Structures are given as C-alpha cells and as structure tokens.
C-alpha cells in the first residue's frame, strides 16, 4: 500500500542545477521502482541562507519533493541519500495532506446581524 511522503533536501550550494537534477532523478527512480510509486510534486526553492552553518556552509540549495510510494522502498532510498556527499541535510516525513481551509460565513447571517443592530439602536 502506497503512502504519501514529503522530503526536503538541502544540497551543497556549490553544485550546479544539472548536477542536482541528476541526483534527484537517481533518488526518485528508487522511489518509483517497479511502478510502486509516483512523484506528485517537485519544487526547487533555490539557494537560501541556512539558520546555522552546516558542514561549514552558510547557504544551501533547497528542494521539496512530494510523492507516493510503498514503505518497503524507503530504506534503500534513504541509504542512497545519506551516502550522497552533495546532500547536506534531508528530512522525510509522512504527508497527512493539506489542512482544511476555513469556510466563509454565509452573507445571509451577516445581513441578519446588521438588522438586529439597527433594531437595538432604535
């Protein structure tokens, strides 16, 4: 059974975009092996400052990937990411989906409140 996951990668800022794309393709091929998973969203945020230095680096290239995959493919994927020297940090989390948006109050209720206020003032 496939679950939804999300991974945030921080790559070495010295890497060029083609090198980062090649690494992402290699990592994501492990997640989609045997048709057990799909990449649903990939957002490259670019170079950003880090909150604190990691491996003597002050900036990193951020990428966020959302995907669905079988849980048995994750150990091999995480091992490959850990062994890659171009990845400064990464975090894999189970994605519970987007939070529900609050619904707007109907306009009819707002009109009733205005009528009540006018009656109270009279």
PDB file of N, CA and C in Angstrom:
ATOM      1  N   UNK A   1       0.829  -1.169   0.000  1.00  0.00           N
ATOM      2  CA  UNK A   1       0.000   0.000   0.000  1.00  0.00           C
ATOM      3  C   UNK A   1       0.886   1.250   0.000  1.00  0.00           C
ATOM      4  N   UNK A   2       0.616   2.166  -0.906  1.00  0.00           N
ATOM      5  CA  UNK A   2       1.413   3.380  -1.030  1.00  0.00           C
ATOM      6  C   UNK A   2       0.911   4.450  -0.063  1.00  0.00           C
ATOM      7  N   UNK A   3       1.856   5.173   0.533  1.00  0.00           N
ATOM      8  CA  UNK A   3       1.535   6.297   1.409  1.00  0.00           C
ATOM      9  C   UNK A   3       2.147   7.558   0.818  1.00  0.00           C
ATOM     10  N   UNK A   4       1.633   8.700   1.242  1.00  0.00           N
ATOM     11  CA  UNK A   4       2.169   9.973   0.765  1.00  0.00           C
ATOM     12  C   UNK A   4       3.290  10.426   1.687  1.00  0.00           C
ATOM     13  N   UNK A   5       4.394  10.833   1.089  1.00  0.00           N
ATOM     14  CA  UNK A   5       5.560  11.306   1.825  1.00  0.00           C
ATOM     15  C   UNK A   5       6.011  12.637   1.246  1.00  0.00           C
ATOM     16  N   UNK A   6       6.850  13.309   2.034  1.00  0.00           N
ATOM     17  CA  UNK A   6       7.445  14.552   1.588  1.00  0.00           C
ATOM     18  C   UNK A   6       8.891  14.562   2.052  1.00  0.00           C
ATOM     19  N   UNK A   7       9.799  14.969   1.173  1.00  0.00           N
ATOM     20  CA  UNK A   7      11.205  15.059   1.521  1.00  0.00           C
ATOM     21  C   UNK A   7      11.698  16.471   1.229  1.00  0.00           C
ATOM     22  N   UNK A   8      12.426  17.031   2.173  1.00  0.00           N
ATOM     23  CA  UNK A   8      13.105  18.310   1.974  1.00  0.00           C
ATOM     24  C   UNK A   8      14.596  17.997   1.898  1.00  0.00           C
ATOM     25  N   UNK A   9      15.215  18.397   0.791  1.00  0.00           N
ATOM     26  CA  UNK A   9      16.650  18.206   0.605  1.00  0.00           C
ATOM     27  C   UNK A   9      17.332  19.561   0.732  1.00  0.00           C
ATOM     28  N   UNK A  10      18.522  19.581   1.326  1.00  0.00           N
ATOM     29  CA  UNK A  10      19.392  20.750   1.267  1.00  0.00           C
ATOM     30  C   UNK A  10      20.682  20.267   0.619  1.00  0.00           C
ATOM     31  N   UNK A  11      20.921  20.760  -0.595  1.00  0.00           N
ATOM     32  CA  UNK A  11      22.109  20.365  -1.350  1.00  0.00           C
ATOM     33  C   UNK A  11      23.238  21.364  -1.129  1.00  0.00           C
ATOM     34  N   UNK A  12      24.445  20.914  -1.385  1.00  0.00           N
ATOM     35  CA  UNK A  12      25.620  21.761  -1.334  1.00  0.00           C
ATOM     36  C   UNK A  12      25.441  22.906  -2.337  1.00  0.00           C
ATOM     37  N   UNK A  13      25.637  24.164  -1.925  1.00  0.00           N
ATOM     38  CA  UNK A  13      25.415  25.280  -2.845  1.00  0.00           C
ATOM     39  C   UNK A  13      26.416  25.338  -4.002  1.00  0.00           C
ATOM     40  N   UNK A  14      27.510  24.613  -3.897  1.00  0.00           N
ATOM     41  CA  UNK A  14      28.498  24.594  -4.972  1.00  0.00           C
ATOM     42  C   UNK A  14      28.026  23.775  -6.178  1.00  0.00           C
ATOM     43  N   UNK A  15      27.024  22.933  -5.995  1.00  0.00           N
ATOM     44  CA  UNK A  15      26.507  22.114  -7.094  1.00  0.00           C
ATOM     45  C   UNK A  15      25.700  22.966  -8.074  1.00  0.00           C
ATOM     46  N   UNK A  16      25.833  22.663  -9.344  1.00  0.00           N
ATOM     47  CA  UNK A  16      25.047  23.331 -10.387  1.00  0.00           C
ATOM     48  C   UNK A  16      23.698  22.624 -10.517  1.00  0.00           C
ATOM     49  N   UNK A  17      22.722  23.296 -11.135  1.00  0.00           N
ATOM     50  CA  UNK A  17      21.376  22.722 -11.282  1.00  0.00           C
ATOM     51  C   UNK A  17      21.365  21.390 -12.033  1.00  0.00           C
ATOM     52  N   UNK A  18      22.138  21.225 -13.129  1.00  0.00           N
ATOM     53  CA  UNK A  18      22.125  19.900 -13.796  1.00  0.00           C
ATOM     54  C   UNK A  18      22.592  18.763 -12.882  1.00  0.00           C
ATOM     55  N   UNK A  19      23.565  19.035 -12.022  1.00  0.00           N
ATOM     56  CA  UNK A  19      24.048  18.006 -11.095  1.00  0.00           C
ATOM     57  C   UNK A  19      22.978  17.678 -10.053  1.00  0.00           C
ATOM     58  N   UNK A  20      22.265  18.703  -9.589  1.00  0.00           N
ATOM     59  CA  UNK A  20      21.195  18.477  -8.616  1.00  0.00           C
ATOM     60  C   UNK A  20      20.060  17.695  -9.258  1.00  0.00           C
ATOM     61  N   UNK A  21      19.700  18.053 -10.479  1.00  0.00           N
ATOM     62  CA  UNK A  21      18.630  17.354 -11.197  1.00  0.00           C
ATOM     63  C   UNK A  21      18.994  15.886 -11.422  1.00  0.00           C
ATOM     64  N   UNK A  22      20.254  15.620 -11.753  1.00  0.00           N
ATOM     65  CA  UNK A  22      20.703  14.240 -11.961  1.00  0.00           C
ATOM     66  C   UNK A  22      20.587  13.431 -10.674  1.00  0.00           C
ATOM     67  N   UNK A  23      20.970  14.034  -9.548  1.00  0.00           N
ATOM     68  CA  UNK A  23      20.857  13.348  -8.260  1.00  0.00           C
ATOM     69  C   UNK A  23      19.394  13.085  -7.909  1.00  0.00           C
ATOM     70  N   UNK A  24      18.540  14.090  -8.129  1.00  0.00           N
ATOM     71  CA  UNK A  24      17.116  13.911  -7.840  1.00  0.00           C
ATOM     72  C   UNK A  24      16.520  12.790  -8.688  1.00  0.00           C
ATOM     73  N   UNK A  25      16.888  12.728  -9.967  1.00  0.00           N
ATOM     74  CA  UNK A  25      16.394  11.655 -10.834  1.00  0.00           C
ATOM     75  C   UNK A  25      16.824  10.291 -10.306  1.00  0.00           C
ATOM     76  N   UNK A  26      18.074  10.196  -9.845  1.00  0.00           N
ATOM     77  CA  UNK A  26      18.577   8.927  -9.304  1.00  0.00           C
ATOM     78  C   UNK A  26      17.822   8.540  -8.033  1.00  0.00           C
ATOM     79  N   UNK A  27      17.620   9.520  -7.122  1.00  0.00           N
ATOM     80  CA  UNK A  27      16.894   9.238  -5.881  1.00  0.00           C
ATOM     81  C   UNK A  27      15.453   8.834  -6.166  1.00  0.00           C
ATOM     82  N   UNK A  28      14.805   9.575  -7.043  1.00  0.00           N
ATOM     83  CA  UNK A  28      13.385   9.337  -7.302  1.00  0.00           C
ATOM     84  C   UNK A  28      13.149   8.061  -8.107  1.00  0.00           C
ATOM     85  N   UNK A  29      14.153   7.611  -8.848  1.00  0.00           N
ATOM     86  CA  UNK A  29      14.000   6.331  -9.539  1.00  0.00           C
ATOM     87  C   UNK A  29      13.921   5.183  -8.525  1.00  0.00           C
ATOM     88  N   UNK A  30      14.545   5.350  -7.364  1.00  0.00           N
ATOM     89  CA  UNK A  30      14.442   4.333  -6.308  1.00  0.00           C
ATOM     90  C   UNK A  30      13.035   4.294  -5.705  1.00  0.00           C
ATOM     91  N   UNK A  31      12.367   5.447  -5.681  1.00  0.00           N
ATOM     92  CA  UNK A  31      11.011   5.519  -5.119  1.00  0.00           C
ATOM     93  C   UNK A  31       9.950   5.009  -6.085  1.00  0.00           C
ATOM     94  N   UNK A  32      10.216   5.091  -7.383  1.00  0.00           N
ATOM     95  CA  UNK A  32       9.222   4.686  -8.386  1.00  0.00           C
ATOM     96  C   UNK A  32       9.552   3.334  -8.996  1.00  0.00           C
ATOM     97  N   UNK A  33      10.489   2.617  -8.388  1.00  0.00           N
ATOM     98  CA  UNK A  33      10.914   1.319  -8.912  1.00  0.00           C
ATOM     99  C   UNK A  33       9.742   0.338  -8.968  1.00  0.00           C
ATOM    100  N   UNK A  34       9.646  -0.428 -10.021  1.00  0.00           N
ATOM    101  CA  UNK A  34       8.619  -1.465 -10.224  1.00  0.00           C
ATOM    102  C   UNK A  34       7.201  -0.893 -10.222  1.00  0.00           C
ATOM    103  N   UNK A  35       7.064   0.394 -10.509  1.00  0.00           N
ATOM    104  CA  UNK A  35       5.745   1.010 -10.558  1.00  0.00           C
ATOM    105  C   UNK A  35       5.070   1.120  -9.203  1.00  0.00           C
ATOM    106  N   UNK A  36       5.843   1.077  -8.112  1.00  0.00           N
ATOM    107  CA  UNK A  36       5.268   1.116  -6.768  1.00  0.00           C
ATOM    108  C   UNK A  36       5.086   2.537  -6.238  1.00  0.00           C
ATOM    109  N   UNK A  37       5.469   3.547  -7.021  1.00  0.00           N
ATOM    110  CA  UNK A  37       5.356   4.905  -6.520  1.00  0.00           C
ATOM    111  C   UNK A  37       5.318   5.925  -7.638  1.00  0.00           C
ATOM    112  N   UNK A  38       4.930   7.138  -7.282  1.00  0.00           N
ATOM    113  CA  UNK A  38       4.899   8.253  -8.230  1.00  0.00           C
ATOM    114  C   UNK A  38       5.347   9.527  -7.513  1.00  0.00           C
ATOM    115  N   UNK A  39       6.004  10.403  -8.256  1.00  0.00           N
ATOM    116  CA  UNK A  39       6.377  11.718  -7.758  1.00  0.00           C
ATOM    117  C   UNK A  39       5.226  12.646  -8.090  1.00  0.00           C
ATOM    118  N   UNK A  40       4.602  13.242  -7.086  1.00  0.00           N
ATOM    119  CA  UNK A  40       3.431  14.084  -7.320  1.00  0.00           C
ATOM    120  C   UNK A  40       3.781  15.554  -7.459  1.00  0.00           C
ATOM    121  N   UNK A  41       4.845  16.021  -6.794  1.00  0.00           N
ATOM    122  CA  UNK A  41       5.210  17.429  -6.878  1.00  0.00           C
ATOM    123  C   UNK A  41       6.692  17.582  -6.570  1.00  0.00           C
ATOM    124  N   UNK A  42       7.352  18.464  -7.311  1.00  0.00           N
ATOM    125  CA  UNK A  42       8.769  18.737  -7.088  1.00  0.00           C
ATOM    126  C   UNK A  42       8.967  20.242  -7.178  1.00  0.00           C
ATOM    127  N   UNK A  43       9.388  20.857  -6.081  1.00  0.00           N
ATOM    128  CA  UNK A  43       9.583  22.305  -6.045  1.00  0.00           C
ATOM    129  C   UNK A  43      11.028  22.613  -5.699  1.00  0.00           C
ATOM    130  N   UNK A  44      11.709  23.317  -6.599  1.00  0.00           N
ATOM    131  CA  UNK A  44      13.079  23.731  -6.344  1.00  0.00           C
ATOM    132  C   UNK A  44      13.048  25.165  -5.847  1.00  0.00           C
ATOM    133  N   UNK A  45      13.398  25.359  -4.583  1.00  0.00           N
ATOM    134  CA  UNK A  45      13.338  26.675  -3.959  1.00  0.00           C
ATOM    135  C   UNK A  45      14.576  27.501  -4.233  1.00  0.00           C
ATOM    136  N   UNK A  46      15.651  26.868  -4.679  1.00  0.00           N
ATOM    137  CA  UNK A  46      16.877  27.597  -4.978  1.00  0.00           C
ATOM    138  C   UNK A  46      17.766  27.762  -3.762  1.00  0.00           C
ATOM    139  N   UNK A  47      18.768  28.656  -3.912  1.00  0.00           N
ATOM    140  CA  UNK A  47      19.732  28.881  -2.835  1.00  0.00           C
ATOM    141  C   UNK A  47      19.128  29.795  -1.782  1.00  0.00           C
ATOM    142  N   UNK A  48      19.285  29.368  -0.522  1.00  0.00           N
ATOM    143  CA  UNK A  48      18.786  30.135   0.617  1.00  0.00           C
ATOM    144  C   UNK A  48      19.807  30.074   1.747  1.00  0.00           C
ATOM    145  N   UNK A  49      19.754  31.056   2.606  1.00  0.00           N
ATOM    146  CA  UNK A  49      20.644  31.083   3.772  1.00  0.00           C
ATOM    147  C   UNK A  49      20.179  30.049   4.790  1.00  0.00           C
ATOM    148  N   UNK A  50      21.136  29.431   5.432  1.00  0.00           N
ATOM    149  CA  UNK A  50      20.830  28.462   6.485  1.00  0.00           C
ATOM    150  C   UNK A  50      20.724  29.195   7.820  1.00  0.00           C
ATOM    151  N   UNK A  51      19.953  28.677   8.737  1.00  0.00           N
ATOM    152  CA  UNK A  51      19.803  29.282  10.054  1.00  0.00           C
ATOM    153  C   UNK A  51      21.115  29.213  10.844  1.00  0.00           C
ATOM    154  N   UNK A  52      21.880  28.167  10.606  1.00  0.00           N
ATOM    155  CA  UNK A  52      23.178  27.997  11.243  1.00  0.00           C
ATOM    156  C   UNK A  52      24.065  27.217  10.277  1.00  0.00           C
ATOM    157  N   UNK A  53      25.376  27.371  10.366  1.00  0.00           N
ATOM    158  CA  UNK A  53      26.259  26.663   9.422  1.00  0.00           C
ATOM    159  C   UNK A  53      26.149  25.143   9.565  1.00  0.00           C
ATOM    160  N   UNK A  54      26.105  24.473   8.422  1.00  0.00           N
ATOM    161  CA  UNK A  54      26.109  23.016   8.376  1.00  0.00           C
ATOM    162  C   UNK A  54      27.281  22.609   7.499  1.00  0.00           C
ATOM    163  N   UNK A  55      28.173  21.819   8.053  1.00  0.00           N
ATOM    164  CA  UNK A  55      29.383  21.395   7.338  1.00  0.00           C
ATOM    165  C   UNK A  55      30.135  22.601   6.769  1.00  0.00           C
ATOM    166  N   UNK A  56      30.235  23.665   7.580  1.00  0.00           N
ATOM    167  CA  UNK A  56      30.931  24.909   7.248  1.00  0.00           C
ATOM    168  C   UNK A  56      30.330  25.641   6.049  1.00  0.00           C
ATOM    169  N   UNK A  57      29.044  25.447   5.795  1.00  0.00           N
ATOM    170  CA  UNK A  57      28.337  26.117   4.700  1.00  0.00           C
ATOM    171  C   UNK A  57      27.260  27.017   5.300  1.00  0.00           C
ATOM    172  N   UNK A  58      27.137  28.229   4.751  1.00  0.00           N
ATOM    173  CA  UNK A  58      26.138  29.177   5.236  1.00  0.00           C
ATOM    174  C   UNK A  58      24.887  29.203   4.368  1.00  0.00           C
ATOM    175  N   UNK A  59      24.963  28.641   3.156  1.00  0.00           N
ATOM    176  CA  UNK A  59      23.811  28.587   2.258  1.00  0.00           C
ATOM    177  C   UNK A  59      23.628  27.165   1.761  1.00  0.00           C
ATOM    178  N   UNK A  60      22.434  26.891   1.247  1.00  0.00           N
ATOM    179  CA  UNK A  60      22.134  25.578   0.689  1.00  0.00           C
ATOM    180  C   UNK A  60      21.101  25.703  -0.404  1.00  0.00           C
ATOM    181  N   UNK A  61      21.036  24.717  -1.277  1.00  0.00           N
ATOM    182  CA  UNK A  61      20.061  24.681  -2.368  1.00  0.00           C
ATOM    183  C   UNK A  61      18.919  23.777  -1.917  1.00  0.00           C
ATOM    184  N   UNK A  62      17.737  24.367  -1.739  1.00  0.00           N
ATOM    185  CA  UNK A  62      16.587  23.645  -1.196  1.00  0.00           C
ATOM    186  C   UNK A  62      15.719  23.051  -2.305  1.00  0.00           C
ATOM    187  N   UNK A  63      15.272  21.817  -2.087  1.00  0.00           N
ATOM    188  CA  UNK A  63      14.323  21.142  -2.975  1.00  0.00           C
ATOM    189  C   UNK A  63      13.319  20.404  -2.101  1.00  0.00           C
ATOM    190  N   UNK A  64      12.020  20.533  -2.436  1.00  0.00           N
ATOM    191  CA  UNK A  64      10.965  19.826  -1.717  1.00  0.00           C
ATOM    192  C   UNK A  64      10.275  18.886  -2.693  1.00  0.00           C
ATOM    193  N   UNK A  65      10.202  17.615  -2.352  1.00  0.00           N
ATOM    194  CA  UNK A  65       9.563  16.609  -3.207  1.00  0.00           C
ATOM    195  C   UNK A  65       8.418  15.949  -2.453  1.00  0.00           C
ATOM    196  N   UNK A  66       7.283  15.832  -3.127  1.00  0.00           N
ATOM    197  CA  UNK A  66       6.138  15.108  -2.580  1.00  0.00           C
ATOM    198  C   UNK A  66       5.899  13.901  -3.477  1.00  0.00           C
ATOM    199  N   UNK A  67       5.631  12.770  -2.847  1.00  0.00           N
ATOM    200  CA  UNK A  67       5.496  11.536  -3.620  1.00  0.00           C
ATOM    201  C   UNK A  67       4.664  10.520  -2.870  1.00  0.00           C
ATOM    202  N   UNK A  68       4.228   9.512  -3.615  1.00  0.00           N
ATOM    203  CA  UNK A  68       3.550   8.350  -3.040  1.00  0.00           C
ATOM    204  C   UNK A  68       4.395   7.143  -3.382  1.00  0.00           C
ATOM    205  N   UNK A  69       4.659   6.317  -2.383  1.00  0.00           N
ATOM    206  CA  UNK A  69       5.476   5.133  -2.618  1.00  0.00           C
ATOM    207  C   UNK A  69       5.188   4.084  -1.555  1.00  0.00           C
ATOM    208  N   UNK A  70       5.633   2.876  -1.834  1.00  0.00           N
ATOM    209  CA  UNK A  70       5.495   1.773  -0.879  1.00  0.00           C
ATOM    210  C   UNK A  70       6.566   1.927   0.205  1.00  0.00           C
ATOM    211  N   UNK A  71       6.222   1.579   1.415  1.00  0.00           N
ATOM    212  CA  UNK A  71       7.126   1.747   2.553  1.00  0.00           C
ATOM    213  C   UNK A  71       8.383   0.888   2.429  1.00  0.00           C
ATOM    214  N   UNK A  72       8.310  -0.235   1.738  1.00  0.00           N
ATOM    215  CA  UNK A  72       9.476  -1.110   1.631  1.00  0.00           C
ATOM    216  C   UNK A  72      10.578  -0.526   0.743  1.00  0.00           C
ATOM    217  N   UNK A  73      10.294   0.530  -0.030  1.00  0.00           N
ATOM    218  CA  UNK A  73      11.308   1.167  -0.871  1.00  0.00           C
ATOM    219  C   UNK A  73      12.075   2.260  -0.129  1.00  0.00           C
ATOM    220  N   UNK A  74      11.573   2.718   1.009  1.00  0.00           N
ATOM    221  CA  UNK A  74      12.188   3.837   1.729  1.00  0.00           C
ATOM    222  C   UNK A  74      13.591   3.542   2.286  1.00  0.00           C
ATOM    223  N   UNK A  75      13.879   2.389   2.861  1.00  0.00           N
ATOM    224  CA  UNK A  75      15.220   2.178   3.410  1.00  0.00           C
ATOM    225  C   UNK A  75      16.338   2.312   2.365  1.00  0.00           C
ATOM    226  N   UNK A  76      16.137   1.751   1.198  1.00  0.00           N
ATOM    227  CA  UNK A  76      17.151   1.852   0.143  1.00  0.00           C
ATOM    228  C   UNK A  76      17.300   3.301  -0.324  1.00  0.00           C
ATOM    229  N   UNK A  77      16.176   4.005  -0.442  1.00  0.00           N
ATOM    230  CA  UNK A  77      16.177   5.411  -0.854  1.00  0.00           C
ATOM    231  C   UNK A  77      16.926   6.265   0.168  1.00  0.00           C
ATOM    232  N   UNK A  78      16.602   6.107   1.457  1.00  0.00           N
ATOM    233  CA  UNK A  78      17.253   6.898   2.493  1.00  0.00           C
ATOM    234  C   UNK A  78      18.746   6.606   2.569  1.00  0.00           C
ATOM    235  N   UNK A  79      19.118   5.368   2.339  1.00  0.00           N
ATOM    236  CA  UNK A  79      20.536   4.997   2.339  1.00  0.00           C
ATOM    237  C   UNK A  79      21.273   5.701   1.214  1.00  0.00           C
ATOM    238  N   UNK A  80      20.663   5.736   0.029  1.00  0.00           N
ATOM    239  CA  UNK A  80      21.287   6.398  -1.118  1.00  0.00           C
ATOM    240  C   UNK A  80      21.442   7.897  -0.874  1.00  0.00           C
ATOM    241  N   UNK A  81      20.459   8.519  -0.260  1.00  0.00           N
ATOM    242  CA  UNK A  81      20.533   9.957   0.017  1.00  0.00           C
ATOM    243  C   UNK A  81      21.604  10.236   1.072  1.00  0.00           C
ATOM    244  N   UNK A  82      21.683   9.399   2.107  1.00  0.00           N
ATOM    245  CA  UNK A  82      22.688   9.584   3.161  1.00  0.00           C
ATOM    246  C   UNK A  82      24.101   9.479   2.608  1.00  0.00           C
ATOM    247  N   UNK A  83      24.313   8.574   1.662  1.00  0.00           N
ATOM    248  CA  UNK A  83      25.651   8.344   1.126  1.00  0.00           C
ATOM    249  C   UNK A  83      26.082   9.404   0.115  1.00  0.00           C
ATOM    250  N   UNK A  84      25.165  10.186  -0.403  1.00  0.00           N
ATOM    251  CA  UNK A  84      25.499  11.204  -1.392  1.00  0.00           C
ATOM    252  C   UNK A  84      26.156  12.399  -0.687  1.00  0.00           C
ATOM    253  N   UNK A  85      27.359  12.743  -1.091  1.00  0.00           N
ATOM    254  CA  UNK A  85      28.096  13.828  -0.451  1.00  0.00           C
ATOM    255  C   UNK A  85      27.572  15.205  -0.831  1.00  0.00           C
ATOM    256  N   UNK A  86      26.761  15.296  -1.869  1.00  0.00           N
ATOM    257  CA  UNK A  86      26.198  16.577  -2.277  1.00  0.00           C
ATOM    258  C   UNK A  86      25.002  16.999  -1.445  1.00  0.00           C
ATOM    259  N   UNK A  87      24.448  16.075  -0.664  1.00  0.00           N
ATOM    260  CA  UNK A  87      23.299  16.383   0.190  1.00  0.00           C
ATOM    261  C   UNK A  87      23.823  16.754   1.571  1.00  0.00           C
ATOM    262  N   UNK A  88      23.525  17.999   1.984  1.00  0.00           N
ATOM    263  CA  UNK A  88      23.958  18.460   3.306  1.00  0.00           C
ATOM    264  C   UNK A  88      23.026  17.891   4.376  1.00  0.00           C
ATOM    265  N   UNK A  89      21.717  18.050   4.155  1.00  0.00           N
ATOM    266  CA  UNK A  89      20.699  17.529   5.069  1.00  0.00           C
ATOM    267  C   UNK A  89      19.471  17.107   4.264  1.00  0.00           C
ATOM    268  N   UNK A  90      18.668  16.212   4.848  1.00  0.00           N
ATOM    269  CA  UNK A  90      17.382  15.852   4.250  1.00  0.00           C
ATOM    270  C   UNK A  90      16.464  15.385   5.357  1.00  0.00           C
ATOM    271  N   UNK A  91      15.158  15.472   5.091  1.00  0.00           N
ATOM    272  CA  UNK A  91      14.168  15.038   6.062  1.00  0.00           C
ATOM    273  C   UNK A  91      13.001  14.423   5.314  1.00  0.00           C
ATOM    274  N   UNK A  92      12.628  13.204   5.701  1.00  0.00           N
ATOM    275  CA  UNK A  92      11.483  12.511   5.108  1.00  0.00           C
ATOM    276  C   UNK A  92      10.377  12.468   6.151  1.00  0.00           C
ATOM    277  N   UNK A  93       9.172  12.917   5.763  1.00  0.00           N
ATOM    278  CA  UNK A  93       8.024  12.881   6.668  1.00  0.00           C
ATOM    279  C   UNK A  93       6.822  12.301   5.934  1.00  0.00           C
ATOM    280  N   UNK A  94       5.917  11.711   6.698  1.00  0.00           N
ATOM    281  CA  UNK A  94       4.657  11.235   6.137  1.00  0.00           C
ATOM    282  C   UNK A  94       3.759  12.450   5.956  1.00  0.00           C
ATOM    283  N   UNK A  95       3.226  12.614   4.773  1.00  0.00           N
ATOM    284  CA  UNK A  95       2.381  13.764   4.468  1.00  0.00           C
ATOM    285  C   UNK A  95       0.936  13.414   4.765  1.00  0.00           C
ATOM    286  N   UNK A  96       0.322  14.173   5.627  1.00  0.00           N
ATOM    287  CA  UNK A  96      -1.069  13.939   6.006  1.00  0.00           C
ATOM    288  C   UNK A  96      -2.025  14.695   5.097  1.00  0.00           C
ATOM    289  N   UNK A  97      -1.525  15.386   4.105  1.00  0.00           N
ATOM    290  CA  UNK A  97      -2.382  16.145   3.200  1.00  0.00           C
ATOM    291  C   UNK A  97      -2.453  17.600   3.613  1.00  0.00           C
ATOM    292  N   UNK A  98      -3.143  18.378   2.823  1.00  0.00           N
ATOM    293  CA  UNK A  98      -3.274  19.794   3.095  1.00  0.00           C
ATOM    294  C   UNK A  98      -4.285  20.035   4.206  1.00  0.00           C
ATOM    295  N   UNK A  99      -4.056  21.037   5.051  1.00  0.00           N
ATOM    296  CA  UNK A  99      -5.037  21.347   6.080  1.00  0.00           C
ATOM    297  C   UNK A  99      -6.302  21.902   5.457  1.00  0.00           C
ATOM    298  N   UNK A 100      -7.424  21.664   6.108  1.00  0.00           N
ATOM    299  CA  UNK A 100      -8.710  22.139   5.587  1.00  0.00           C
ATOM    300  C   UNK A 100      -8.764  23.657   5.657  1.00  0.00           C
ATOM    301  N   UNK A 101      -9.334  24.263   4.623  1.00  0.00           N
ATOM    302  CA  UNK A 101      -9.478  25.714   4.574  1.00  0.00           C
ATOM    303  C   UNK A 101     -10.726  26.108   5.359  1.00  0.00           C
ATOM    304  N   UNK A 102     -10.650  27.204   6.107  1.00  0.00           N
ATOM    305  CA  UNK A 102     -11.856  27.647   6.822  1.00  0.00           C
ATOM    306  C   UNK A 102     -12.906  28.151   5.837  1.00  0.00           C
ATOM    307  N   UNK A 103     -14.151  27.844   6.132  1.00  0.00           N
ATOM    308  CA  UNK A 103     -15.235  28.263   5.244  1.00  0.00           C
ATOM    309  C   UNK A 103     -15.712  29.654   5.629  1.00  0.00           C
ATOM    310  N   UNK A 104     -16.071  30.447   4.620  1.00  0.00           N
ATOM    311  CA  UNK A 104     -16.575  31.791   4.857  1.00  0.00           C
ATOM    312  C   UNK A 104     -18.010  31.709   5.366  1.00  0.00           C
ATOM    313  N   UNK A 105     -18.383  32.633   6.229  1.00  0.00           N
ATOM    314  CA  UNK A 105     -19.750  32.672   6.756  1.00  0.00           C
ATOM    315  C   UNK A 105     -20.690  33.126   5.658  1.00  0.00           C
ATOM    316  N   UNK A 106     -21.879  32.552   5.580  1.00  0.00           N
ATOM    317  CA  UNK A 106     -22.835  32.970   4.562  1.00  0.00           C
ATOM    318  C   UNK A 106     -23.223  34.438   4.745  1.00  0.00           C
ATOM    319  N   UNK A 107     -23.478  35.126   3.632  1.00  0.00           N
ATOM    320  CA  UNK A 107     -23.806  36.547   3.663  1.00  0.00           C
ATOM    321  C   UNK A 107     -25.148  36.795   4.348  1.00  0.00           C
ATOM    322  N   UNK A 108     -26.067  35.823   4.309  1.00  0.00           N
ATOM    323  CA  UNK A 108     -27.395  35.977   4.906  1.00  0.00           C
ATOM    324  C   UNK A 108     -27.280  36.209   6.408  1.00  0.00           C
ATOM    325  N   UNK A 109     -26.399  35.489   7.072  1.00  0.00           N
ATOM    326  CA  UNK A 109     -26.231  35.634   8.510  1.00  0.00           C
ATOM    327  C   UNK A 109     -25.718  37.040   8.818  1.00  0.00           C
ATOM    328  N   UNK A 110     -24.797  37.533   8.028  1.00  0.00           N
ATOM    329  CA  UNK A 110     -24.252  38.861   8.254  1.00  0.00           C
ATOM    330  C   UNK A 110     -25.348  39.917   8.113  1.00  0.00           C
ATOM    331  N   UNK A 111     -26.271  39.768   7.165  1.00  0.00           N
ATOM    332  CA  UNK A 111     -27.357  40.733   6.979  1.00  0.00           C
ATOM    333  C   UNK A 111     -28.302  40.698   8.178  1.00  0.00           C
ATOM    334  N   UNK A 112     -28.576  39.539   8.745  1.00  0.00           N
ATOM    335  CA  UNK A 112     -29.439  39.427   9.917  1.00  0.00           C
ATOM    336  C   UNK A 112     -28.828  40.150  11.120  1.00  0.00           C
ATOM    337  N   UNK A 113     -27.534  40.056  11.285  1.00  0.00           N
ATOM    338  CA  UNK A 113     -26.856  40.714  12.393  1.00  0.00           C
ATOM    339  C   UNK A 113     -26.986  42.226  12.262  1.00  0.00           C
ATOM    340  N   UNK A 114     -26.853  42.756  11.028  1.00  0.00           N
ATOM    341  CA  UNK A 114     -26.989  44.194  10.795  1.00  0.00           C
ATOM    342  C   UNK A 114     -28.401  44.654  11.154  1.00  0.00           C
ATOM    343  N   UNK A 115     -29.428  43.881  10.788  1.00  0.00           N
ATOM    344  CA  UNK A 115     -30.810  44.228  11.121  1.00  0.00           C
ATOM    345  C   UNK A 115     -31.012  44.275  12.631  1.00  0.00           C
ATOM    346  N   UNK A 116     -30.434  43.319  13.362  1.00  0.00           N
ATOM    347  CA  UNK A 116     -30.579  43.281  14.811  1.00  0.00           C
ATOM    348  C   UNK A 116     -29.920  44.497  15.450  1.00  0.00           C
ATOM    349  N   UNK A 117     -28.781  44.899  14.939  1.00  0.00           N
ATOM    350  CA  UNK A 117     -28.080  46.056  15.486  1.00  0.00           C
ATOM    351  C   UNK A 117     -28.907  47.323  15.276  1.00  0.00           C
ATOM    352  N   UNK A 118     -29.508  47.457  14.074  1.00  0.00           N
ATOM    353  CA  UNK A 118     -30.327  48.638  13.789  1.00  0.00           C
ATOM    354  C   UNK A 118     -31.550  48.686  14.712  1.00  0.00           C
ATOM    355  N   UNK A 119     -32.138  47.531  15.003  1.00  0.00           N
ATOM    356  CA  UNK A 119     -33.309  47.485  15.894  1.00  0.00           C
ATOM    357  C   UNK A 119     -32.917  47.865  17.329  1.00  0.00           C
ATOM    358  N   UNK A 120     -31.736  47.432  17.775  1.00  0.00           N
ATOM    359  CA  UNK A 120     -31.278  47.731  19.118  1.00  0.00           C
ATOM    360  C   UNK A 120     -31.018  49.229  19.296  1.00  0.00           C
ATOM    361  N   UNK A 121     -30.524  49.876  18.224  1.00  0.00           N
ATOM    362  CA  UNK A 121     -30.222  51.296  18.293  1.00  0.00           C
ATOM    363  C   UNK A 121     -31.501  52.149  18.318  1.00  0.00           C
ATOM    364  N   UNK A 122     -32.576  51.653  17.746  1.00  0.00           N
ATOM    365  CA  UNK A 122     -33.822  52.444  17.657  1.00  0.00           C
ATOM    366  C   UNK A 122     -34.595  52.523  18.933  1.00  0.00           C
TER     367      UNK A 122
END
